[in-house]
Amino acid sequence: MKKRLLFAVGAALTLCFAPNLRAENTDEKFIAENPVRKISKEVLLLEKKATDGNAKAQFKLAEMYEKGKGGLAKNEAYALSWYEEAAHNGNREARNHLRKLGSVE
């Protein structure tokens, strides 16, 4: 009985603390691989407007992610996601850009 209890306590402690250790290592690796960037006020404002559904802001934010401007690291996945969102919200430039990228038929 004592062995089972000790095993259960040990397993519980391992499950509680092991994910945190892995997360710390992952965070350290991410920080080492990605230098800190100063995000511009324009990007912060665009992100606010884009998340509120502004298609023009979504398109502009997509361009900034695609080109790595405003303190943002280049991120094609984020750019594509914002282009798609802008197109979905009626932005013609975003639709045209998606066609050029081959993401829209």
PDB file of N, CA and C in Angstrom:
ATOM      1  N   MET A   1       0.820  -1.191   0.000  1.00  0.00           N
ATOM      2  CA  MET A   1       0.000   0.000   0.000  1.00  0.00           C
ATOM      3  C   MET A   1       0.861   1.251   0.000  1.00  0.00           C
ATOM      4  N   LYS A   2       1.918   1.250   0.834  1.00  0.00           N
ATOM      5  CA  LYS A   2       2.800   2.412   0.894  1.00  0.00           C
ATOM      6  C   LYS A   2       3.511   2.622  -0.436  1.00  0.00           C
ATOM      7  N   LYS A   3       3.898   1.519  -1.092  1.00  0.00           N
ATOM      8  CA  LYS A   3       4.584   1.637  -2.375  1.00  0.00           C
ATOM      9  C   LYS A   3       3.680   2.288  -3.415  1.00  0.00           C
ATOM     10  N   ARG A   4       2.410   1.906  -3.435  1.00  0.00           N
ATOM     11  CA  ARG A   4       1.461   2.488  -4.384  1.00  0.00           C
ATOM     12  C   ARG A   4       1.284   3.973  -4.121  1.00  0.00           C
ATOM     13  N   LEU A   5       1.175   4.330  -2.847  1.00  0.00           N
ATOM     14  CA  LEU A   5       0.989   5.719  -2.474  1.00  0.00           C
ATOM     15  C   LEU A   5       2.209   6.545  -2.875  1.00  0.00           C
ATOM     16  N   LEU A   6       3.408   6.034  -2.598  1.00  0.00           N
ATOM     17  CA  LEU A   6       4.628   6.741  -2.974  1.00  0.00           C
ATOM     18  C   LEU A   6       4.743   6.875  -4.492  1.00  0.00           C
ATOM     19  N   PHE A   7       4.387   5.810  -5.184  1.00  0.00           N
ATOM     20  CA  PHE A   7       4.426   5.855  -6.642  1.00  0.00           C
ATOM     21  C   PHE A   7       3.450   6.902  -7.172  1.00  0.00           C
ATOM     22  N   ALA A   8       2.241   6.931  -6.622  1.00  0.00           N
ATOM     23  CA  ALA A   8       1.227   7.882  -7.063  1.00  0.00           C
ATOM     24  C   ALA A   8       1.665   9.319  -6.790  1.00  0.00           C
ATOM     25  N   VAL A   9       2.240   9.551  -5.631  1.00  0.00           N
ATOM     26  CA  VAL A   9       2.719  10.896  -5.291  1.00  0.00           C
ATOM     27  C   VAL A   9       3.865  11.289  -6.218  1.00  0.00           C
ATOM     28  N   GLY A  10       4.788  10.375  -6.452  1.00  0.00           N
ATOM     29  CA  GLY A  10       5.914  10.648  -7.353  1.00  0.00           C
ATOM     30  C   GLY A  10       5.437  10.930  -8.771  1.00  0.00           C
ATOM     31  N   ALA A  11       4.493  10.155  -9.238  1.00  0.00           N
ATOM     32  CA  ALA A  11       3.959  10.364 -10.587  1.00  0.00           C
ATOM     33  C   ALA A  11       3.247  11.708 -10.675  1.00  0.00           C
ATOM     34  N   ALA A  12       2.485  12.040  -9.650  1.00  0.00           N
ATOM     35  CA  ALA A  12       1.773  13.318  -9.654  1.00  0.00           C
ATOM     36  C   ALA A  12       2.748  14.482  -9.668  1.00  0.00           C
ATOM     37  N   LEU A  13       3.789  14.408  -8.872  1.00  0.00           N
ATOM     38  CA  LEU A  13       4.787  15.482  -8.842  1.00  0.00           C
ATOM     39  C   LEU A  13       5.497  15.598 -10.183  1.00  0.00           C
ATOM     40  N   THR A  14       5.801  14.478 -10.788  1.00  0.00           N
ATOM     41  CA  THR A  14       6.458  14.495 -12.091  1.00  0.00           C
ATOM     42  C   THR A  14       5.555  15.155 -13.125  1.00  0.00           C
ATOM     43  N   LEU A  15       4.284  14.798 -13.131  1.00  0.00           N
ATOM     44  CA  LEU A  15       3.350  15.386 -14.079  1.00  0.00           C
ATOM     45  C   LEU A  15       3.140  16.876 -13.833  1.00  0.00           C
ATOM     46  N   CYS A  16       3.221  17.273 -12.580  1.00  0.00           N
ATOM     47  CA  CYS A  16       3.027  18.692 -12.261  1.00  0.00           C
ATOM     48  C   CYS A  16       4.215  19.550 -12.685  1.00  0.00           C
ATOM     49  N   PHE A  17       5.419  19.049 -12.465  1.00  0.00           N
ATOM     50  CA  PHE A  17       6.595  19.884 -12.683  1.00  0.00           C
ATOM     51  C   PHE A  17       7.301  19.655 -14.009  1.00  0.00           C
ATOM     52  N   ALA A  18       7.162  18.515 -14.614  1.00  0.00           N
ATOM     53  CA  ALA A  18       7.855  18.232 -15.876  1.00  0.00           C
ATOM     54  C   ALA A  18       7.419  19.160 -17.010  1.00  0.00           C
ATOM     55  N   PRO A  19       6.125  19.432 -17.190  1.00  0.00           N
ATOM     56  CA  PRO A  19       5.747  20.355 -18.268  1.00  0.00           C
ATOM     57  C   PRO A  19       6.345  21.749 -18.084  1.00  0.00           C
ATOM     58  N   ASN A  20       6.439  22.199 -16.837  1.00  0.00           N
ATOM     59  CA  ASN A  20       7.031  23.507 -16.578  1.00  0.00           C
ATOM     60  C   ASN A  20       8.497  23.539 -16.963  1.00  0.00           C
ATOM     61  N   LEU A  21       9.200  22.461 -16.696  1.00  0.00           N
ATOM     62  CA  LEU A  21      10.615  22.412 -17.061  1.00  0.00           C
ATOM     63  C   LEU A  21      10.770  22.446 -18.576  1.00  0.00           C
ATOM     64  N   ARG A  22       9.924  21.704 -19.266  1.00  0.00           N
ATOM     65  CA  ARG A  22       9.989  21.714 -20.720  1.00  0.00           C
ATOM     66  C   ARG A  22       9.644  23.091 -21.269  1.00  0.00           C
ATOM     67  N   ALA A  23       8.670  23.745 -20.690  1.00  0.00           N
ATOM     68  CA  ALA A  23       8.266  25.072 -21.156  1.00  0.00           C
ATOM     69  C   ALA A  23       9.397  26.070 -20.973  1.00  0.00           C
ATOM     70  N   GLU A  24      10.101  25.990 -19.847  1.00  0.00           N
ATOM     71  CA  GLU A  24      11.214  26.904 -19.622  1.00  0.00           C
ATOM     72  C   GLU A  24      12.294  26.699 -20.677  1.00  0.00           C
ATOM     73  N   ASN A  25      12.617  25.447 -20.970  1.00  0.00           N
ATOM     74  CA  ASN A  25      13.638  25.169 -21.980  1.00  0.00           C
ATOM     75  C   ASN A  25      13.192  25.667 -23.348  1.00  0.00           C
ATOM     76  N   THR A  26      11.937  25.485 -23.670  1.00  0.00           N
ATOM     77  CA  THR A  26      11.411  25.946 -24.944  1.00  0.00           C
ATOM     78  C   THR A  26      11.468  27.467 -25.020  1.00  0.00           C
ATOM     79  N   ASP A  27      11.076  28.137 -23.934  1.00  0.00           N
ATOM     80  CA  ASP A  27      11.114  29.594 -23.910  1.00  0.00           C
ATOM     81  C   ASP A  27      12.535  30.108 -24.084  1.00  0.00           C
ATOM     82  N   GLU A  28      13.481  29.483 -23.410  1.00  0.00           N
ATOM     83  CA  GLU A  28      14.880  29.908 -23.530  1.00  0.00           C
ATOM     84  C   GLU A  28      15.377  29.723 -24.959  1.00  0.00           C
ATOM     85  N   LYS A  29      15.006  28.629 -25.575  1.00  0.00           N
ATOM     86  CA  LYS A  29      15.407  28.375 -26.961  1.00  0.00           C
ATOM     87  C   LYS A  29      14.786  29.413 -27.886  1.00  0.00           C
ATOM     88  N   PHE A  30      13.505  29.717 -27.674  1.00  0.00           N
ATOM     89  CA  PHE A  30      12.821  30.709 -28.500  1.00  0.00           C
ATOM     90  C   PHE A  30      13.493  32.068 -28.357  1.00  0.00           C
ATOM     91  N   ILE A  31      13.782  32.468 -27.131  1.00  0.00           N
ATOM     92  CA  ILE A  31      14.416  33.760 -26.883  1.00  0.00           C
ATOM     93  C   ILE A  31      15.787  33.826 -27.542  1.00  0.00           C
ATOM     94  N   ALA A  32      16.534  32.743 -27.462  1.00  0.00           N
ATOM     95  CA  ALA A  32      17.869  32.716 -28.062  1.00  0.00           C
ATOM     96  C   ALA A  32      17.797  32.822 -29.582  1.00  0.00           C
ATOM     97  N   GLU A  33      16.779  32.202 -30.175  1.00  0.00           N
ATOM     98  CA  GLU A  33      16.662  32.189 -31.631  1.00  0.00           C
ATOM     99  C   GLU A  33      15.979  33.432 -32.197  1.00  0.00           C
ATOM    100  N   ASN A  34      15.249  34.162 -31.363  1.00  0.00           N
ATOM    101  CA  ASN A  34      14.485  35.315 -31.827  1.00  0.00           C
ATOM    102  C   ASN A  34      14.840  36.551 -31.011  1.00  0.00           C
ATOM    103  N   PRO A  35      15.659  37.402 -31.571  1.00  0.00           N
ATOM    104  CA  PRO A  35      16.035  38.598 -30.831  1.00  0.00           C
ATOM    105  C   PRO A  35      14.820  39.485 -30.553  1.00  0.00           C
ATOM    106  N   VAL A  36      14.904  40.221 -29.465  1.00  0.00           N
ATOM    107  CA  VAL A  36      13.813  41.119 -29.089  1.00  0.00           C
ATOM    108  C   VAL A  36      13.712  42.229 -30.122  1.00  0.00           C
ATOM    109  N   ARG A  37      12.511  42.497 -30.558  1.00  0.00           N
ATOM    110  CA  ARG A  37      12.273  43.538 -31.544  1.00  0.00           C
ATOM    111  C   ARG A  37      11.384  44.600 -30.921  1.00  0.00           C
ATOM    112  N   LYS A  38      11.594  45.821 -31.320  1.00  0.00           N
ATOM    113  CA  LYS A  38      10.744  46.905 -30.855  1.00  0.00           C
ATOM    114  C   LYS A  38       9.573  47.023 -31.833  1.00  0.00           C
ATOM    115  N   ILE A  39       8.383  46.695 -31.354  1.00  0.00           N
ATOM    116  CA  ILE A  39       7.194  46.749 -32.187  1.00  0.00           C
ATOM    117  C   ILE A  39       6.733  48.207 -32.269  1.00  0.00           C
ATOM    118  N   SER A  40       6.473  48.665 -33.478  1.00  0.00           N
ATOM    119  CA  SER A  40       6.063  50.061 -33.665  1.00  0.00           C
ATOM    120  C   SER A  40       4.637  50.286 -33.154  1.00  0.00           C
ATOM    121  N   LYS A  41       4.336  51.537 -32.827  1.00  0.00           N
ATOM    122  CA  LYS A  41       2.989  51.901 -32.389  1.00  0.00           C
ATOM    123  C   LYS A  41       1.981  51.638 -33.502  1.00  0.00           C
ATOM    124  N   GLU A  42       2.437  51.828 -34.741  1.00  0.00           N
ATOM    125  CA  GLU A  42       1.563  51.579 -35.890  1.00  0.00           C
ATOM    126  C   GLU A  42       1.089  50.125 -35.901  1.00  0.00           C
ATOM    127  N   VAL A  43       1.998  49.191 -35.630  1.00  0.00           N
ATOM    128  CA  VAL A  43       1.640  47.771 -35.620  1.00  0.00           C
ATOM    129  C   VAL A  43       0.640  47.491 -34.508  1.00  0.00           C
ATOM    130  N   LEU A  44       0.873  48.061 -33.340  1.00  0.00           N
ATOM    131  CA  LEU A  44      -0.046  47.839 -32.231  1.00  0.00           C
ATOM    132  C   LEU A  44      -1.444  48.364 -32.555  1.00  0.00           C
ATOM    133  N   LEU A  45      -1.504  49.517 -33.178  1.00  0.00           N
ATOM    134  CA  LEU A  45      -2.790  50.084 -33.575  1.00  0.00           C
ATOM    135  C   LEU A  45      -3.447  49.225 -34.658  1.00  0.00           C
ATOM    136  N   LEU A  46      -2.650  48.794 -35.632  1.00  0.00           N
ATOM    137  CA  LEU A  46      -3.188  47.941 -36.702  1.00  0.00           C
ATOM    138  C   LEU A  46      -3.724  46.629 -36.140  1.00  0.00           C
ATOM    139  N   GLU A  47      -2.997  46.030 -35.200  1.00  0.00           N
ATOM    140  CA  GLU A  47      -3.451  44.770 -34.610  1.00  0.00           C
ATOM    141  C   GLU A  47      -4.791  44.951 -33.904  1.00  0.00           C
ATOM    142  N   LYS A  48      -4.946  46.057 -33.213  1.00  0.00           N
ATOM    143  CA  LYS A  48      -6.210  46.344 -32.527  1.00  0.00           C
ATOM    144  C   LYS A  48      -7.336  46.464 -33.545  1.00  0.00           C
ATOM    145  N   LYS A  49      -7.102  47.271 -34.591  1.00  0.00           N
ATOM    146  CA  LYS A  49      -8.127  47.450 -35.613  1.00  0.00           C
ATOM    147  C   LYS A  49      -8.405  46.150 -36.358  1.00  0.00           C
ATOM    148  N   ALA A  50      -7.336  45.397 -36.668  1.00  0.00           N
ATOM    149  CA  ALA A  50      -7.488  44.146 -37.416  1.00  0.00           C
ATOM    150  C   ALA A  50      -8.301  43.127 -36.630  1.00  0.00           C
ATOM    151  N   THR A  51      -8.030  43.014 -35.347  1.00  0.00           N
ATOM    152  CA  THR A  51      -8.788  42.051 -34.538  1.00  0.00           C
ATOM    153  C   THR A  51     -10.230  42.497 -34.346  1.00  0.00           C
ATOM    154  N   ASP A  52     -10.490  43.796 -34.525  1.00  0.00           N
ATOM    155  CA  ASP A  52     -11.860  44.304 -34.459  1.00  0.00           C
ATOM    156  C   ASP A  52     -12.600  44.131 -35.790  1.00  0.00           C
ATOM    157  N   GLY A  53     -11.903  43.596 -36.829  1.00  0.00           N
ATOM    158  CA  GLY A  53     -12.552  43.291 -38.098  1.00  0.00           C
ATOM    159  C   GLY A  53     -12.335  44.299 -39.207  1.00  0.00           C
ATOM    160  N   ASN A  54     -11.423  45.247 -39.038  1.00  0.00           N
ATOM    161  CA  ASN A  54     -11.155  46.249 -40.064  1.00  0.00           C
ATOM    162  C   ASN A  54     -10.328  45.616 -41.181  1.00  0.00           C
ATOM    163  N   ALA A  55     -10.937  45.455 -42.363  1.00  0.00           N
ATOM    164  CA  ALA A  55     -10.294  44.757 -43.491  1.00  0.00           C
ATOM    165  C   ALA A  55      -9.044  45.486 -43.987  1.00  0.00           C
ATOM    166  N   LYS A  56      -9.090  46.817 -43.994  1.00  0.00           N
ATOM    167  CA  LYS A  56      -7.937  47.584 -44.457  1.00  0.00           C
ATOM    168  C   LYS A  56      -6.743  47.381 -43.507  1.00  0.00           C
ATOM    169  N   ALA A  57      -7.005  47.381 -42.211  1.00  0.00           N
ATOM    170  CA  ALA A  57      -5.957  47.144 -41.217  1.00  0.00           C
ATOM    171  C   ALA A  57      -5.436  45.712 -41.325  1.00  0.00           C
ATOM    172  N   GLN A  58      -6.317  44.770 -41.588  1.00  0.00           N
ATOM    173  CA  GLN A  58      -5.905  43.374 -41.747  1.00  0.00           C
ATOM    174  C   GLN A  58      -4.954  43.227 -42.928  1.00  0.00           C
ATOM    175  N   PHE A  59      -5.282  43.908 -44.030  1.00  0.00           N
ATOM    176  CA  PHE A  59      -4.432  43.850 -45.212  1.00  0.00           C
ATOM    177  C   PHE A  59      -3.059  44.470 -44.929  1.00  0.00           C
ATOM    178  N   LYS A  60      -3.058  45.634 -44.300  1.00  0.00           N
ATOM    179  CA  LYS A  60      -1.799  46.325 -43.994  1.00  0.00           C
ATOM    180  C   LYS A  60      -0.945  45.492 -43.045  1.00  0.00           C
ATOM    181  N   LEU A  61      -1.570  44.879 -42.043  1.00  0.00           N
ATOM    182  CA  LEU A  61      -0.848  44.031 -41.102  1.00  0.00           C
ATOM    183  C   LEU A  61      -0.255  42.809 -41.814  1.00  0.00           C
ATOM    184  N   ALA A  62      -1.008  42.253 -42.754  1.00  0.00           N
ATOM    185  CA  ALA A  62      -0.511  41.119 -43.539  1.00  0.00           C
ATOM    186  C   ALA A  62       0.738  41.515 -44.322  1.00  0.00           C
ATOM    187  N   GLU A  63       0.700  42.708 -44.923  1.00  0.00           N
ATOM    188  CA  GLU A  63       1.872  43.197 -45.662  1.00  0.00           C
ATOM    189  C   GLU A  63       3.077  43.350 -44.742  1.00  0.00           C
ATOM    190  N   MET A  64       2.833  43.843 -43.548  1.00  0.00           N
ATOM    191  CA  MET A  64       3.937  44.060 -42.613  1.00  0.00           C
ATOM    192  C   MET A  64       4.547  42.732 -42.163  1.00  0.00           C
ATOM    193  N   TYR A  65       3.694  41.733 -41.940  1.00  0.00           N
ATOM    194  CA  TYR A  65       4.213  40.407 -41.592  1.00  0.00           C
ATOM    195  C   TYR A  65       4.964  39.794 -42.770  1.00  0.00           C
ATOM    196  N   GLU A  66       4.453  39.982 -43.971  1.00  0.00           N
ATOM    197  CA  GLU A  66       5.092  39.412 -45.157  1.00  0.00           C
ATOM    198  C   GLU A  66       6.478  40.006 -45.387  1.00  0.00           C
ATOM    199  N   LYS A  67       6.609  41.309 -45.138  1.00  0.00           N
ATOM    200  CA  LYS A  67       7.874  42.003 -45.398  1.00  0.00           C
ATOM    201  C   LYS A  67       8.758  42.150 -44.164  1.00  0.00           C
ATOM    202  N   GLY A  68       8.227  41.843 -42.989  1.00  0.00           N
ATOM    203  CA  GLY A  68       9.000  41.984 -41.762  1.00  0.00           C
ATOM    204  C   GLY A  68       9.217  43.449 -41.384  1.00  0.00           C
ATOM    205  N   LYS A  69       8.170  44.226 -41.466  1.00  0.00           N
ATOM    206  CA  LYS A  69       8.282  45.664 -41.164  1.00  0.00           C
ATOM    207  C   LYS A  69       7.631  45.987 -39.825  1.00  0.00           C
ATOM    208  N   GLY A  70       7.938  47.185 -39.329  1.00  0.00           N
ATOM    209  CA  GLY A  70       7.325  47.658 -38.098  1.00  0.00           C
ATOM    210  C   GLY A  70       7.781  46.934 -36.849  1.00  0.00           C
ATOM    211  N   GLY A  71       8.927  46.274 -36.944  1.00  0.00           N
ATOM    212  CA  GLY A  71       9.432  45.513 -35.806  1.00  0.00           C
ATOM    213  C   GLY A  71       8.943  44.078 -35.777  1.00  0.00           C
ATOM    214  N   LEU A  72       8.134  43.699 -36.763  1.00  0.00           N
ATOM    215  CA  LEU A  72       7.642  42.321 -36.840  1.00  0.00           C
ATOM    216  C   LEU A  72       8.647  41.454 -37.587  1.00  0.00           C
ATOM    217  N   ALA A  73       8.802  40.238 -37.124  1.00  0.00           N
ATOM    218  CA  ALA A  73       9.625  39.279 -37.856  1.00  0.00           C
ATOM    219  C   ALA A  73       8.820  38.814 -39.067  1.00  0.00           C
ATOM    220  N   LYS A  74       9.501  38.515 -40.163  1.00  0.00           N
ATOM    221  CA  LYS A  74       8.800  37.965 -41.320  1.00  0.00           C
ATOM    222  C   LYS A  74       8.111  36.679 -40.895  1.00  0.00           C
ATOM    223  N   ASN A  75       6.840  36.582 -41.238  1.00  0.00           N
ATOM    224  CA  ASN A  75       6.083  35.393 -40.883  1.00  0.00           C
ATOM    225  C   ASN A  75       5.024  35.173 -41.962  1.00  0.00           C
ATOM    226  N   GLU A  76       5.329  34.282 -42.879  1.00  0.00           N
ATOM    227  CA  GLU A  76       4.431  34.037 -44.013  1.00  0.00           C
ATOM    228  C   GLU A  76       3.095  33.457 -43.579  1.00  0.00           C
ATOM    229  N   ALA A  77       3.104  32.642 -42.528  1.00  0.00           N
ATOM    230  CA  ALA A  77       1.847  32.043 -42.055  1.00  0.00           C
ATOM    231  C   ALA A  77       0.915  33.111 -41.502  1.00  0.00           C
ATOM    232  N   TYR A  78       1.449  34.034 -40.696  1.00  0.00           N
ATOM    233  CA  TYR A  78       0.626  35.127 -40.174  1.00  0.00           C
ATOM    234  C   TYR A  78       0.156  36.022 -41.315  1.00  0.00           C
ATOM    235  N   ALA A  79       1.060  36.301 -42.255  1.00  0.00           N
ATOM    236  CA  ALA A  79       0.704  37.157 -43.386  1.00  0.00           C
ATOM    237  C   ALA A  79      -0.459  36.533 -44.163  1.00  0.00           C
ATOM    238  N   LEU A  80      -0.331  35.271 -44.488  1.00  0.00           N
ATOM    239  CA  LEU A  80      -1.378  34.577 -45.231  1.00  0.00           C
ATOM    240  C   LEU A  80      -2.699  34.590 -44.464  1.00  0.00           C
ATOM    241  N   SER A  81      -2.617  34.354 -43.174  1.00  0.00           N
ATOM    242  CA  SER A  81      -3.823  34.354 -42.345  1.00  0.00           C
ATOM    243  C   SER A  81      -4.520  35.713 -42.369  1.00  0.00           C
ATOM    244  N   TRP A  82      -3.736  36.794 -42.262  1.00  0.00           N
ATOM    245  CA  TRP A  82      -4.330  38.129 -42.282  1.00  0.00           C
ATOM    246  C   TRP A  82      -4.833  38.493 -43.679  1.00  0.00           C
ATOM    247  N   TYR A  83      -4.131  38.059 -44.734  1.00  0.00           N
ATOM    248  CA  TYR A  83      -4.631  38.296 -46.095  1.00  0.00           C
ATOM    249  C   TYR A  83      -5.982  37.604 -46.278  1.00  0.00           C
ATOM    250  N   GLU A  84      -6.078  36.368 -45.805  1.00  0.00           N
ATOM    251  CA  GLU A  84      -7.328  35.624 -45.937  1.00  0.00           C
ATOM    252  C   GLU A  84      -8.454  36.290 -45.157  1.00  0.00           C
ATOM    253  N   GLU A  85      -8.144  36.768 -43.958  1.00  0.00           N
ATOM    254  CA  GLU A  85      -9.148  37.442 -43.145  1.00  0.00           C
ATOM    255  C   GLU A  85      -9.618  38.733 -43.823  1.00  0.00           C
ATOM    256  N   ALA A  86      -8.662  39.493 -44.359  1.00  0.00           N
ATOM    257  CA  ALA A  86      -9.001  40.740 -45.049  1.00  0.00           C
ATOM    258  C   ALA A  86      -9.861  40.454 -46.288  1.00  0.00           C
ATOM    259  N   ALA A  87      -9.502  39.428 -47.045  1.00  0.00           N
ATOM    260  CA  ALA A  87     -10.274  39.057 -48.229  1.00  0.00           C
ATOM    261  C   ALA A  87     -11.687  38.630 -47.830  1.00  0.00           C
ATOM    262  N   HIS A  88     -11.766  37.863 -46.770  1.00  0.00           N
ATOM    263  CA  HIS A  88     -13.069  37.412 -46.256  1.00  0.00           C
ATOM    264  C   HIS A  88     -13.947  38.610 -45.867  1.00  0.00           C
ATOM    265  N   ASN A  89     -13.305  39.676 -45.391  1.00  0.00           N
ATOM    266  CA  ASN A  89     -14.036  40.880 -44.985  1.00  0.00           C
ATOM    267  C   ASN A  89     -14.198  41.891 -46.120  1.00  0.00           C
ATOM    268  N   GLY A  90     -13.895  41.468 -47.366  1.00  0.00           N
ATOM    269  CA  GLY A  90     -14.198  42.280 -48.529  1.00  0.00           C
ATOM    270  C   GLY A  90     -13.077  43.133 -49.091  1.00  0.00           C
ATOM    271  N   ASN A  91     -11.847  42.932 -48.646  1.00  0.00           N
ATOM    272  CA  ASN A  91     -10.735  43.726 -49.155  1.00  0.00           C
ATOM    273  C   ASN A  91     -10.272  43.159 -50.499  1.00  0.00           C
ATOM    274  N   ARG A  92     -10.459  43.949 -51.576  1.00  0.00           N
ATOM    275  CA  ARG A  92     -10.112  43.484 -52.929  1.00  0.00           C
ATOM    276  C   ARG A  92      -8.612  43.288 -53.095  1.00  0.00           C
ATOM    277  N   GLU A  93      -7.827  44.189 -52.511  1.00  0.00           N
ATOM    278  CA  GLU A  93      -6.366  44.056 -52.622  1.00  0.00           C
ATOM    279  C   GLU A  93      -5.907  42.724 -52.033  1.00  0.00           C
ATOM    280  N   ALA A  94      -6.517  42.336 -50.922  1.00  0.00           N
ATOM    281  CA  ALA A  94      -6.162  41.066 -50.289  1.00  0.00           C
ATOM    282  C   ALA A  94      -6.527  39.892 -51.194  1.00  0.00           C
ATOM    283  N   ARG A  95      -7.713  39.967 -51.816  1.00  0.00           N
ATOM    284  CA  ARG A  95      -8.112  38.898 -52.747  1.00  0.00           C
ATOM    285  C   ARG A  95      -7.127  38.784 -53.902  1.00  0.00           C
ATOM    286  N   ASN A  96      -6.749  39.931 -54.475  1.00  0.00           N
ATOM    287  CA  ASN A  96      -5.793  39.926 -55.587  1.00  0.00           C
ATOM    288  C   ASN A  96      -4.449  39.365 -55.150  1.00  0.00           C
ATOM    289  N   HIS A  97      -4.022  39.743 -53.965  1.00  0.00           N
ATOM    290  CA  HIS A  97      -2.736  39.256 -53.465  1.00  0.00           C
ATOM    291  C   HIS A  97      -2.780  37.740 -53.248  1.00  0.00           C
ATOM    292  N   LEU A  98      -3.888  37.248 -52.721  1.00  0.00           N
ATOM    293  CA  LEU A  98      -4.034  35.804 -52.523  1.00  0.00           C
ATOM    294  C   LEU A  98      -4.020  35.068 -53.857  1.00  0.00           C
ATOM    295  N   ARG A  99      -4.605  35.652 -54.874  1.00  0.00           N
ATOM    296  CA  ARG A  99      -4.558  35.028 -56.211  1.00  0.00           C
ATOM    297  C   ARG A  99      -3.134  34.923 -56.706  1.00  0.00           C
ATOM    298  N   LYS A 100      -2.380  36.022 -56.502  1.00  0.00           N
ATOM    299  CA  LYS A 100      -0.965  36.003 -56.915  1.00  0.00           C
ATOM    300  C   LYS A 100      -0.179  34.936 -56.179  1.00  0.00           C
ATOM    301  N   LEU A 101      -0.521  34.736 -54.908  1.00  0.00           N
ATOM    302  CA  LEU A 101       0.166  33.722 -54.113  1.00  0.00           C
ATOM    303  C   LEU A 101      -0.330  32.305 -54.430  1.00  0.00           C
ATOM    304  N   GLY A 102      -1.442  32.228 -55.152  1.00  0.00           N
ATOM    305  CA  GLY A 102      -1.994  30.925 -55.509  1.00  0.00           C
ATOM    306  C   GLY A 102      -2.852  30.332 -54.429  1.00  0.00           C
ATOM    307  N   SER A 103      -3.290  31.169 -53.478  1.00  0.00           N
ATOM    308  CA  SER A 103      -4.107  30.657 -52.376  1.00  0.00           C
ATOM    309  C   SER A 103      -5.589  30.692 -52.666  1.00  0.00           C
ATOM    310  N   VAL A 104      -5.990  31.370 -53.732  1.00  0.00           N
ATOM    311  CA  VAL A 104      -7.403  31.479 -54.095  1.00  0.00           C
ATOM    312  C   VAL A 104      -7.561  31.053 -55.538  1.00  0.00           C
ATOM    313  N   GLU A 105      -8.624  30.331 -55.806  1.00  0.00           N
ATOM    314  CA  GLU A 105      -8.876  29.888 -57.192  1.00  0.00           C
ATOM    315  C   GLU A 105      -9.488  30.995 -58.000  1.00  0.00           C
TER     316      GLU A 105
END
